[in-house]
Amino acid sequence: MKENTGNYIVCRHKIGVGNSIEVLFEFNDRKSAIAKKKEIDKDAIWVYYCEEEVIYKGTQKDQNNNPINSAPSWVRI
């Protein structure tokens, strides 16, 4: 089960250029992150996108068969 942590970021990267990812803004709500992305999404060289921080709960088991959670990770929205 995927659980949102409530953290959002707006990022960009240059098309065709490796390691060019930049975090531009951080937010605590989804609507603000999406609104900011739409506001700046007007460039032919850069790709802009939003990501949310999530934790996957109970998708794996430990050696005693107890459910464990993943580390926080970023997923595009």
PDB file of N, CA and C in Angstrom:
ATOM      1  N   MET A   1       0.841  -1.168   0.000  1.00  0.00           N
ATOM      2  CA  MET A   1       0.000   0.000   0.000  1.00  0.00           C
ATOM      3  C   MET A   1       0.892   1.237   0.000  1.00  0.00           C
ATOM      4  N   LYS A   2       0.600   2.176  -0.891  1.00  0.00           N
ATOM      5  CA  LYS A   2       1.372   3.408  -1.017  1.00  0.00           C
ATOM      6  C   LYS A   2       0.766   4.479  -0.112  1.00  0.00           C
ATOM      7  N   GLU A   3       1.604   5.131   0.694  1.00  0.00           N
ATOM      8  CA  GLU A   3       1.144   6.200   1.579  1.00  0.00           C
ATOM      9  C   GLU A   3       1.925   7.474   1.286  1.00  0.00           C
ATOM     10  N   ASN A   4       1.204   8.555   1.063  1.00  0.00           N
ATOM     11  CA  ASN A   4       1.812   9.838   0.778  1.00  0.00           C
ATOM     12  C   ASN A   4       2.314  10.470   2.065  1.00  0.00           C
ATOM     13  N   THR A   5       3.515  11.077   2.032  1.00  0.00           N
ATOM     14  CA  THR A   5       4.075  11.739   3.207  1.00  0.00           C
ATOM     15  C   THR A   5       3.681  13.207   3.294  1.00  0.00           C
ATOM     16  N   GLY A   6       3.094  13.759   2.227  1.00  0.00           N
ATOM     17  CA  GLY A   6       2.684  15.163   2.226  1.00  0.00           C
ATOM     18  C   GLY A   6       3.739  16.113   1.709  1.00  0.00           C
ATOM     19  N   ASN A   7       4.823  15.595   1.149  1.00  0.00           N
ATOM     20  CA  ASN A   7       5.879  16.434   0.585  1.00  0.00           C
ATOM     21  C   ASN A   7       5.831  16.349  -0.937  1.00  0.00           C
ATOM     22  N   TYR A   8       5.992  17.510  -1.585  1.00  0.00           N
ATOM     23  CA  TYR A   8       5.939  17.585  -3.041  1.00  0.00           C
ATOM     24  C   TYR A   8       7.084  18.468  -3.527  1.00  0.00           C
ATOM     25  N   ILE A   9       7.601  18.162  -4.717  1.00  0.00           N
ATOM     26  CA  ILE A   9       8.635  18.986  -5.328  1.00  0.00           C
ATOM     27  C   ILE A   9       8.308  19.215  -6.801  1.00  0.00           C
ATOM     28  N   VAL A  10       8.774  20.348  -7.316  1.00  0.00           N
ATOM     29  CA  VAL A  10       8.706  20.650  -8.740  1.00  0.00           C
ATOM     30  C   VAL A  10      10.139  20.609  -9.242  1.00  0.00           C
ATOM     31  N   CYS A  11      10.369  19.790 -10.271  1.00  0.00           N
ATOM     32  CA  CYS A  11      11.718  19.580 -10.811  1.00  0.00           C
ATOM     33  C   CYS A  11      11.753  19.916 -12.291  1.00  0.00           C
ATOM     34  N   ARG A  12      12.970  19.977 -12.812  1.00  0.00           N
ATOM     35  CA  ARG A  12      13.146  20.108 -14.257  1.00  0.00           C
ATOM     36  C   ARG A  12      14.420  19.393 -14.651  1.00  0.00           C
ATOM     37  N   HIS A  13      14.486  18.982 -15.910  1.00  0.00           N
ATOM     38  CA  HIS A  13      15.719  18.453 -16.469  1.00  0.00           C
ATOM     39  C   HIS A  13      15.798  18.832 -17.939  1.00  0.00           C
ATOM     40  N   LYS A  14      17.022  18.961 -18.435  1.00  0.00           N
ATOM     41  CA  LYS A  14      17.245  19.307 -19.837  1.00  0.00           C
ATOM     42  C   LYS A  14      17.077  18.078 -20.691  1.00  0.00           C
ATOM     43  N   ILE A  15      16.359  18.229 -21.780  1.00  0.00           N
ATOM     44  CA  ILE A  15      16.112  17.123 -22.703  1.00  0.00           C
ATOM     45  C   ILE A  15      17.443  16.656 -23.295  1.00  0.00           C
ATOM     46  N   GLY A  16      17.726  15.349 -23.153  1.00  0.00           N
ATOM     47  CA  GLY A  16      18.916  14.759 -23.740  1.00  0.00           C
ATOM     48  C   GLY A  16      20.203  14.972 -22.969  1.00  0.00           C
ATOM     49  N   VAL A  17      20.135  15.576 -21.780  1.00  0.00           N
ATOM     50  CA  VAL A  17      21.335  15.833 -20.981  1.00  0.00           C
ATOM     51  C   VAL A  17      21.237  15.064 -19.669  1.00  0.00           C
ATOM     52  N   GLY A  18      22.119  14.109 -19.468  1.00  0.00           N
ATOM     53  CA  GLY A  18      22.114  13.339 -18.234  1.00  0.00           C
ATOM     54  C   GLY A  18      22.541  14.170 -17.037  1.00  0.00           C
ATOM     55  N   ASN A  19      22.077  13.797 -15.862  1.00  0.00           N
ATOM     56  CA  ASN A  19      22.414  14.466 -14.606  1.00  0.00           C
ATOM     57  C   ASN A  19      22.082  15.962 -14.598  1.00  0.00           C
ATOM     58  N   SER A  20      21.018  16.351 -15.281  1.00  0.00           N
ATOM     59  CA  SER A  20      20.635  17.762 -15.309  1.00  0.00           C
ATOM     60  C   SER A  20      19.372  18.041 -14.494  1.00  0.00           C
ATOM     61  N   ILE A  21      18.986  17.118 -13.613  1.00  0.00           N
ATOM     62  CA  ILE A  21      17.771  17.292 -12.813  1.00  0.00           C
ATOM     63  C   ILE A  21      18.002  18.349 -11.734  1.00  0.00           C
ATOM     64  N   GLU A  22      17.073  19.294 -11.637  1.00  0.00           N
ATOM     65  CA  GLU A  22      17.130  20.344 -10.624  1.00  0.00           C
ATOM     66  C   GLU A  22      15.803  20.376  -9.868  1.00  0.00           C
ATOM     67  N   VAL A  23      15.863  20.470  -8.547  1.00  0.00           N
ATOM     68  CA  VAL A  23      14.658  20.683  -7.742  1.00  0.00           C
ATOM     69  C   VAL A  23      14.481  22.191  -7.636  1.00  0.00           C
ATOM     70  N   LEU A  24      13.342  22.689  -8.135  1.00  0.00           N
ATOM     71  CA  LEU A  24      13.100  24.124  -8.156  1.00  0.00           C
ATOM     72  C   LEU A  24      12.319  24.618  -6.943  1.00  0.00           C
ATOM     73  N   PHE A  25      11.288  23.870  -6.545  1.00  0.00           N
ATOM     74  CA  PHE A  25      10.413  24.293  -5.445  1.00  0.00           C
ATOM     75  C   PHE A  25      10.013  23.091  -4.608  1.00  0.00           C
ATOM     76  N   GLU A  26       9.757  23.336  -3.319  1.00  0.00           N
ATOM     77  CA  GLU A  26       9.233  22.320  -2.415  1.00  0.00           C
ATOM     78  C   GLU A  26       7.914  22.817  -1.843  1.00  0.00           C
ATOM     79  N   PHE A  27       6.950  21.899  -1.713  1.00  0.00           N
ATOM     80  CA  PHE A  27       5.616  22.248  -1.217  1.00  0.00           C
ATOM     81  C   PHE A  27       5.131  21.221  -0.213  1.00  0.00           C
ATOM     82  N   ASN A  28       4.126  21.611   0.572  1.00  0.00           N
ATOM     83  CA  ASN A  28       3.480  20.708   1.522  1.00  0.00           C
ATOM     84  C   ASN A  28       2.079  20.313   1.087  1.00  0.00           C
ATOM     85  N   ASP A  29       1.640  20.787  -0.092  1.00  0.00           N
ATOM     86  CA  ASP A  29       0.334  20.369  -0.601  1.00  0.00           C
ATOM     87  C   ASP A  29       0.387  20.202  -2.122  1.00  0.00           C
ATOM     88  N   ARG A  30      -0.403  19.250  -2.600  1.00  0.00           N
ATOM     89  CA  ARG A  30      -0.414  18.847  -4.000  1.00  0.00           C
ATOM     90  C   ARG A  30      -0.886  19.961  -4.944  1.00  0.00           C
ATOM     91  N   LYS A  31      -1.933  20.680  -4.561  1.00  0.00           N
ATOM     92  CA  LYS A  31      -2.494  21.713  -5.442  1.00  0.00           C
ATOM     93  C   LYS A  31      -1.484  22.821  -5.735  1.00  0.00           C
ATOM     94  N   SER A  32      -0.733  23.244  -4.731  1.00  0.00           N
ATOM     95  CA  SER A  32       0.270  24.295  -4.935  1.00  0.00           C
ATOM     96  C   SER A  32       1.383  23.827  -5.863  1.00  0.00           C
ATOM     97  N   ALA A  33       1.819  22.582  -5.701  1.00  0.00           N
ATOM     98  CA  ALA A  33       2.884  22.042  -6.548  1.00  0.00           C
ATOM     99  C   ALA A  33       2.439  21.975  -8.000  1.00  0.00           C
ATOM    100  N   ILE A  34       1.242  21.482  -8.242  1.00  0.00           N
ATOM    101  CA  ILE A  34       0.731  21.364  -9.609  1.00  0.00           C
ATOM    102  C   ILE A  34       0.501  22.736 -10.227  1.00  0.00           C
ATOM    103  N   ALA A  35      -0.006  23.686  -9.439  1.00  0.00           N
ATOM    104  CA  ALA A  35      -0.227  25.045  -9.945  1.00  0.00           C
ATOM    105  C   ALA A  35       1.088  25.705 -10.344  1.00  0.00           C
ATOM    106  N   LYS A  36       2.123  25.536  -9.537  1.00  0.00           N
ATOM    107  CA  LYS A  36       3.434  26.122  -9.845  1.00  0.00           C
ATOM    108  C   LYS A  36       4.017  25.489 -11.097  1.00  0.00           C
ATOM    109  N   LYS A  37       3.874  24.168 -11.244  1.00  0.00           N
ATOM    110  CA  LYS A  37       4.383  23.483 -12.431  1.00  0.00           C
ATOM    111  C   LYS A  37       3.700  24.002 -13.696  1.00  0.00           C
ATOM    112  N   LYS A  38       2.389  24.193 -13.638  1.00  0.00           N
ATOM    113  CA  LYS A  38       1.650  24.711 -14.793  1.00  0.00           C
ATOM    114  C   LYS A  38       2.057  26.144 -15.112  1.00  0.00           C
ATOM    115  N   GLU A  39       2.391  26.910 -14.097  1.00  0.00           N
ATOM    116  CA  GLU A  39       2.790  28.304 -14.272  1.00  0.00           C
ATOM    117  C   GLU A  39       4.110  28.436 -15.026  1.00  0.00           C
ATOM    118  N   ILE A  40       5.054  27.509 -14.796  1.00  0.00           N
ATOM    119  CA  ILE A  40       6.379  27.632 -15.404  1.00  0.00           C
ATOM    120  C   ILE A  40       6.603  26.685 -16.575  1.00  0.00           C
ATOM    121  N   ASP A  41       5.652  25.856 -16.935  1.00  0.00           N
ATOM    122  CA  ASP A  41       5.810  24.834 -17.968  1.00  0.00           C
ATOM    123  C   ASP A  41       5.684  25.431 -19.365  1.00  0.00           C
ATOM    124  N   LYS A  42       6.687  26.240 -19.770  1.00  0.00           N
ATOM    125  CA  LYS A  42       6.609  26.895 -21.074  1.00  0.00           C
ATOM    126  C   LYS A  42       7.951  26.931 -21.793  1.00  0.00           C
ATOM    127  N   ASP A  43       8.781  25.941 -21.598  1.00  0.00           N
ATOM    128  CA  ASP A  43      10.129  25.958 -22.146  1.00  0.00           C
ATOM    129  C   ASP A  43      10.340  24.748 -23.050  1.00  0.00           C
ATOM    130  N   ALA A  44      10.951  24.948 -24.220  1.00  0.00           N
ATOM    131  CA  ALA A  44      11.183  23.853 -25.158  1.00  0.00           C
ATOM    132  C   ALA A  44      12.442  23.050 -24.815  1.00  0.00           C
ATOM    133  N   ILE A  45      13.346  23.626 -24.029  1.00  0.00           N
ATOM    134  CA  ILE A  45      14.601  22.957 -23.694  1.00  0.00           C
ATOM    135  C   ILE A  45      14.471  22.128 -22.424  1.00  0.00           C
ATOM    136  N   TRP A  46      13.664  22.576 -21.480  1.00  0.00           N
ATOM    137  CA  TRP A  46      13.512  21.921 -20.178  1.00  0.00           C
ATOM    138  C   TRP A  46      12.183  21.183 -20.084  1.00  0.00           C
ATOM    139  N   VAL A  47      12.175  20.058 -19.385  1.00  0.00           N
ATOM    140  CA  VAL A  47      10.962  19.304 -19.062  1.00  0.00           C
ATOM    141  C   VAL A  47      10.693  19.527 -17.580  1.00  0.00           C
ATOM    142  N   TYR A  48       9.491  20.011 -17.254  1.00  0.00           N
ATOM    143  CA  TYR A  48       9.102  20.270 -15.866  1.00  0.00           C
ATOM    144  C   TYR A  48       8.131  19.195 -15.397  1.00  0.00           C
ATOM    145  N   TYR A  49       8.224  18.802 -14.140  1.00  0.00           N
ATOM    146  CA  TYR A  49       7.319  17.789 -13.602  1.00  0.00           C
ATOM    147  C   TYR A  49       7.229  17.917 -12.089  1.00  0.00           C
ATOM    148  N   CYS A  50       6.164  17.336 -11.519  1.00  0.00           N
ATOM    149  CA  CYS A  50       5.947  17.300 -10.069  1.00  0.00           C
ATOM    150  C   CYS A  50       6.185  15.883  -9.570  1.00  0.00           C
ATOM    151  N   GLU A  51       6.684  15.782  -8.340  1.00  0.00           N
ATOM    152  CA  GLU A  51       6.854  14.487  -7.693  1.00  0.00           C
ATOM    153  C   GLU A  51       6.299  14.565  -6.274  1.00  0.00           C
ATOM    154  N   GLU A  52       5.791  13.430  -5.788  1.00  0.00           N
ATOM    155  CA  GLU A  52       5.335  13.327  -4.414  1.00  0.00           C
ATOM    156  C   GLU A  52       6.178  12.293  -3.692  1.00  0.00           C
ATOM    157  N   GLU A  53       6.408  12.523  -2.405  1.00  0.00           N
ATOM    158  CA  GLU A  53       7.174  11.577  -1.605  1.00  0.00           C
ATOM    159  C   GLU A  53       6.219  10.541  -1.032  1.00  0.00           C
ATOM    160  N   VAL A  54       6.539   9.267  -1.211  1.00  0.00           N
ATOM    161  CA  VAL A  54       5.668   8.184  -0.746  1.00  0.00           C
ATOM    162  C   VAL A  54       6.476   7.137   0.017  1.00  0.00           C
ATOM    163  N   ILE A  55       5.754   6.381   0.837  1.00  0.00           N
ATOM    164  CA  ILE A  55       6.300   5.223   1.538  1.00  0.00           C
ATOM    165  C   ILE A  55       5.407   4.036   1.191  1.00  0.00           C
ATOM    166  N   TYR A  56       6.016   2.920   0.834  1.00  0.00           N
ATOM    167  CA  TYR A  56       5.257   1.707   0.558  1.00  0.00           C
ATOM    168  C   TYR A  56       5.213   0.890   1.844  1.00  0.00           C
ATOM    169  N   LYS A  57       4.005   0.665   2.358  1.00  0.00           N
ATOM    170  CA  LYS A  57       3.834  -0.027   3.635  1.00  0.00           C
ATOM    171  C   LYS A  57       3.453  -1.480   3.427  1.00  0.00           C
ATOM    172  N   GLY A  58       4.149  -2.364   4.135  1.00  0.00           N
ATOM    173  CA  GLY A  58       3.799  -3.770   4.153  1.00  0.00           C
ATOM    174  C   GLY A  58       4.009  -4.526   2.865  1.00  0.00           C
ATOM    175  N   THR A  59       4.821  -4.009   1.952  1.00  0.00           N
ATOM    176  CA  THR A  59       5.036  -4.704   0.675  1.00  0.00           C
ATOM    177  C   THR A  59       6.100  -5.786   0.786  1.00  0.00           C
ATOM    178  N   GLN A  60       6.863  -5.770   1.870  1.00  0.00           N
ATOM    179  CA  GLN A  60       7.882  -6.790   2.091  1.00  0.00           C
ATOM    180  C   GLN A  60       7.740  -7.331   3.509  1.00  0.00           C
ATOM    181  N   LYS A  61       8.381  -8.456   3.777  1.00  0.00           N
ATOM    182  CA  LYS A  61       8.332  -9.074   5.104  1.00  0.00           C
ATOM    183  C   LYS A  61       9.761  -9.235   5.635  1.00  0.00           C
ATOM    184  N   ASP A  62       9.920  -9.111   6.959  1.00  0.00           N
ATOM    185  CA  ASP A  62      11.225  -9.370   7.555  1.00  0.00           C
ATOM    186  C   ASP A  62      11.380 -10.866   7.814  1.00  0.00           C
ATOM    187  N   GLN A  63      12.466 -11.249   8.460  1.00  0.00           N
ATOM    188  CA  GLN A  63      12.745 -12.674   8.666  1.00  0.00           C
ATOM    189  C   GLN A  63      11.734 -13.353   9.584  1.00  0.00           C
ATOM    190  N   ASN A  64      10.997 -12.574  10.381  1.00  0.00           N
ATOM    191  CA  ASN A  64       9.957 -13.129  11.254  1.00  0.00           C
ATOM    192  C   ASN A  64       8.556 -13.016  10.629  1.00  0.00           C
ATOM    193  N   ASN A  65       8.518 -12.686   9.342  1.00  0.00           N
ATOM    194  CA  ASN A  65       7.283 -12.555   8.571  1.00  0.00           C
ATOM    195  C   ASN A  65       6.422 -11.368   9.006  1.00  0.00           C
ATOM    196  N   ASN A  66       7.057 -10.337   9.586  1.00  0.00           N
ATOM    197  CA  ASN A  66       6.361  -9.104   9.939  1.00  0.00           C
ATOM    198  C   ASN A  66       6.472  -8.120   8.776  1.00  0.00           C
ATOM    199  N   PRO A  67       5.424  -7.361   8.485  1.00  0.00           N
ATOM    200  CA  PRO A  67       5.494  -6.398   7.382  1.00  0.00           C
ATOM    201  C   PRO A  67       6.465  -5.264   7.707  1.00  0.00           C
ATOM    202  N   ILE A  68       7.202  -4.815   6.684  1.00  0.00           N
ATOM    203  CA  ILE A  68       8.119  -3.687   6.852  1.00  0.00           C
ATOM    204  C   ILE A  68       7.786  -2.628   5.810  1.00  0.00           C
ATOM    205  N   ASN A  69       8.217  -1.400   6.077  1.00  0.00           N
ATOM    206  CA  ASN A  69       7.961  -0.275   5.189  1.00  0.00           C
ATOM    207  C   ASN A  69       9.219   0.071   4.402  1.00  0.00           C
ATOM    208  N   SER A  70       9.027   0.656   3.233  1.00  0.00           N
ATOM    209  CA  SER A  70      10.151   1.099   2.418  1.00  0.00           C
ATOM    210  C   SER A  70      10.668   2.438   2.940  1.00  0.00           C
ATOM    211  N   ALA A  71      11.819   2.835   2.467  1.00  0.00           N
ATOM    212  CA  ALA A  71      12.319   4.178   2.724  1.00  0.00           C
ATOM    213  C   ALA A  71      11.494   5.139   1.872  1.00  0.00           C
ATOM    214  N   PRO A  72      11.389   6.399   2.279  1.00  0.00           N
ATOM    215  CA  PRO A  72      10.673   7.365   1.437  1.00  0.00           C
ATOM    216  C   PRO A  72      11.296   7.470   0.056  1.00  0.00           C
ATOM    217  N   SER A  73      10.459   7.554  -0.973  1.00  0.00           N
ATOM    218  CA  SER A  73      10.949   7.698  -2.339  1.00  0.00           C
ATOM    219  C   SER A  73      10.042   8.671  -3.085  1.00  0.00           C
ATOM    220  N   TRP A  74      10.541   9.206  -4.201  1.00  0.00           N
ATOM    221  CA  TRP A  74       9.807  10.199  -4.982  1.00  0.00           C
ATOM    222  C   TRP A  74       9.178   9.540  -6.201  1.00  0.00           C
ATOM    223  N   VAL A  75       7.902   9.891  -6.465  1.00  0.00           N
ATOM    224  CA  VAL A  75       7.127   9.348  -7.576  1.00  0.00           C
ATOM    225  C   VAL A  75       6.518  10.525  -8.343  1.00  0.00           C
ATOM    226  N   ARG A  76       6.615  10.496  -9.661  1.00  0.00           N
ATOM    227  CA  ARG A  76       6.016  11.575 -10.469  1.00  0.00           C
ATOM    228  C   ARG A  76       4.502  11.534 -10.394  1.00  0.00           C
ATOM    229  N   ILE A  77       3.919  12.726 -10.406  1.00  0.00           N
ATOM    230  CA  ILE A  77       2.445  12.819 -10.451  1.00  0.00           C
ATOM    231  C   ILE A  77       2.020  13.542 -11.694  1.00  0.00           C
TER     232      ILE A  77
END
